[in-house]
């Protein structure tokens, strides 16, 4: 089973705190709703919730602006955890650019594109690193 989905579903979101990096752009992720990514485990992958944590498991995740990585995360990244809402804040600062989230794990990869305020839609899916 996909490690990133397991990590997204089983992580204790109440105890994850973001490390002050990238100029302090991200607030503490302690406000992420516990169990917020469980919808991803139930089959609707066409959109990603704003409170979902970007935890690729055995892989990597990135937030890109016009195809260039702005933020890159690896593994379970507990101390560097980032939510989709954090990516949304970056996108709101420069809305004229195309913003994407890429999550590549061992058996699955998902690629989301920002489709509007607070809406990230799946545009590609693959077999991950396998």
Protein backbone atom coordinates (compact mmCIF):
# COMPACT_ATOMS: atom_id res chain seq x y z
CA UNK A 1 0.00 0.00 0.00
CA UNK A 2 1.14 3.55 -0.69
CA UNK A 3 3.32 4.84 2.14
CA UNK A 4 2.31 8.48 1.60
CA UNK A 5 -1.36 7.64 2.04
CA UNK A 6 -0.55 5.65 5.17
CA UNK A 7 1.54 8.52 6.49
CA UNK A 8 -1.18 11.04 5.69
CA UNK A 9 -3.80 8.95 7.46
CA UNK A 10 -1.86 7.85 10.52
CA UNK A 11 0.20 10.90 11.42
CA UNK A 12 -0.59 12.72 14.65
CA UNK A 13 -1.30 16.12 13.11
CA UNK A 14 -1.80 17.79 16.50
CA UNK A 15 1.86 17.37 17.39
CA UNK A 16 3.50 18.36 14.09
CA UNK A 17 5.17 21.77 14.15
CA UNK A 18 6.78 23.45 11.18
CA UNK A 19 10.40 24.43 11.35
CA UNK A 20 11.05 28.11 10.67
CA UNK A 21 12.47 27.92 7.17
CA UNK A 22 12.09 29.79 3.92
CA UNK A 23 12.03 33.12 5.72
CA UNK A 24 9.34 32.10 8.21
CA UNK A 25 6.64 31.79 5.56
CA UNK A 26 4.79 28.97 7.29
CA UNK A 27 2.94 29.05 10.61
CA UNK A 28 2.91 26.07 12.95
CA UNK A 29 0.99 23.16 11.47
CA UNK A 30 -0.62 22.40 14.81
CA UNK A 31 -3.86 23.87 13.46
CA UNK A 32 -4.14 21.13 10.84
CA UNK A 33 -7.30 19.17 11.55
CA UNK A 34 -6.63 15.68 12.86
CA UNK A 35 -7.85 13.16 10.31
CA UNK A 36 -8.16 15.82 7.61
CA UNK A 37 -6.50 13.72 4.93
CA UNK A 38 -8.63 10.65 5.49
CA UNK A 39 -10.74 11.55 2.45
CA UNK A 40 -7.67 10.72 0.35
CA UNK A 41 -7.75 7.18 1.74
CA UNK A 42 -11.38 6.69 0.74
CA UNK A 43 -10.96 7.03 -2.98
CA UNK A 44 -11.66 10.66 -4.04
CA UNK A 45 -8.24 11.76 -5.27
CA UNK A 46 -9.43 14.42 -7.74
CA UNK A 47 -8.95 17.18 -5.15
CA UNK A 48 -6.74 17.55 -2.12
CA UNK A 49 -7.97 19.11 1.13
CA UNK A 50 -6.29 22.29 2.36
CA UNK A 51 -5.51 20.69 5.72
CA UNK A 52 -3.76 17.67 4.15
CA UNK A 53 -0.11 17.32 5.10
CA UNK A 54 2.43 16.86 2.33
CA UNK A 55 4.06 13.66 3.61
CA UNK A 56 5.41 11.54 0.77
CA UNK A 57 6.58 8.60 2.90
CA UNK A 58 9.44 7.00 0.97
CA UNK A 59 9.68 9.69 -1.65
CA UNK A 60 9.45 13.44 -2.06
CA UNK A 61 6.95 16.26 -2.38
CA UNK A 62 7.36 19.68 -3.92
CA UNK A 63 5.48 22.90 -4.49
CA UNK A 64 6.31 24.43 -7.87
CA UNK A 65 5.75 27.84 -9.44
CA UNK A 66 5.74 27.76 -13.25
CA UNK A 67 7.44 24.36 -13.19
CA UNK A 68 10.28 25.43 -10.87
CA UNK A 69 10.42 23.97 -7.33
CA UNK A 70 9.87 26.53 -4.57
CA UNK A 71 9.70 24.07 -1.66
CA UNK A 72 10.95 20.47 -1.63
CA UNK A 73 10.23 17.91 1.11
CA UNK A 74 11.53 14.38 1.57
CA UNK A 75 10.33 11.40 3.59
CA UNK A 76 7.99 11.83 6.53
CA UNK A 77 9.47 15.31 7.14
CA UNK A 78 7.97 15.71 10.62
CA UNK A 79 10.01 18.77 11.47
CA UNK A 80 9.51 20.24 7.99
CA UNK A 81 5.84 19.31 7.61
CA UNK A 82 3.80 21.48 5.31
CA UNK A 83 0.08 21.52 4.56
CA UNK A 84 -1.68 22.27 1.29
CA UNK A 85 -2.88 25.47 2.99
CA UNK A 86 0.78 26.54 3.26
CA UNK A 87 1.15 26.01 -0.49
CA UNK A 88 -2.07 27.99 -0.97
CA UNK A 89 -0.56 30.93 0.97
CA UNK A 90 2.43 30.90 -1.37
CA UNK A 91 0.10 30.84 -4.38
CA UNK A 92 -2.00 33.72 -3.03
CA UNK A 93 1.12 35.88 -2.84
CA UNK A 94 1.73 35.39 -6.60
CA UNK A 95 -1.59 34.31 -8.17
CA UNK A 96 -0.52 35.18 -11.73
CA UNK A 97 1.76 32.11 -11.81
CA UNK A 98 0.87 28.45 -12.32
CA UNK A 99 1.20 26.53 -9.01
CA UNK A 100 1.47 22.77 -8.67
CA UNK A 101 1.99 20.25 -5.88
CA UNK A 102 3.86 17.05 -6.75
CA UNK A 103 3.83 14.08 -4.36
CA UNK A 104 5.97 11.12 -5.41
CA UNK A 105 6.09 8.09 -3.12
CA UNK A 106 7.13 4.49 -3.47
CA UNK A 107 4.03 3.12 -5.22
CA UNK A 108 2.08 6.23 -6.21
CA UNK A 109 2.61 9.72 -7.50
CA UNK A 110 0.01 12.48 -7.62
CA UNK A 111 0.27 15.89 -9.23
CA UNK A 112 -2.16 18.67 -8.33
CA UNK A 113 -2.59 22.04 -10.05
CA UNK A 114 -4.16 25.06 -8.40
CA UNK A 115 -7.53 25.63 -10.07
CA UNK A 116 -8.63 28.65 -8.04
CA UNK A 117 -8.66 29.98 -4.52
CA UNK A 118 -8.34 27.02 -2.17
CA UNK A 119 -8.85 24.42 -4.91
CA UNK A 120 -6.11 22.00 -5.97
CA UNK A 121 -7.13 19.46 -8.63
CA UNK A 122 -5.42 16.27 -9.70
CA UNK A 123 -4.00 16.54 -13.22
CA UNK A 124 -1.72 13.48 -13.35
CA UNK A 125 -1.21 10.25 -11.47
CA UNK A 126 1.39 7.51 -11.82
CA UNK A 127 3.09 4.50 -10.30
CA UNK A 128 5.58 6.37 -8.13
CA UNK A 129 9.12 5.18 -7.74
CA UNK A 130 8.27 1.54 -8.50
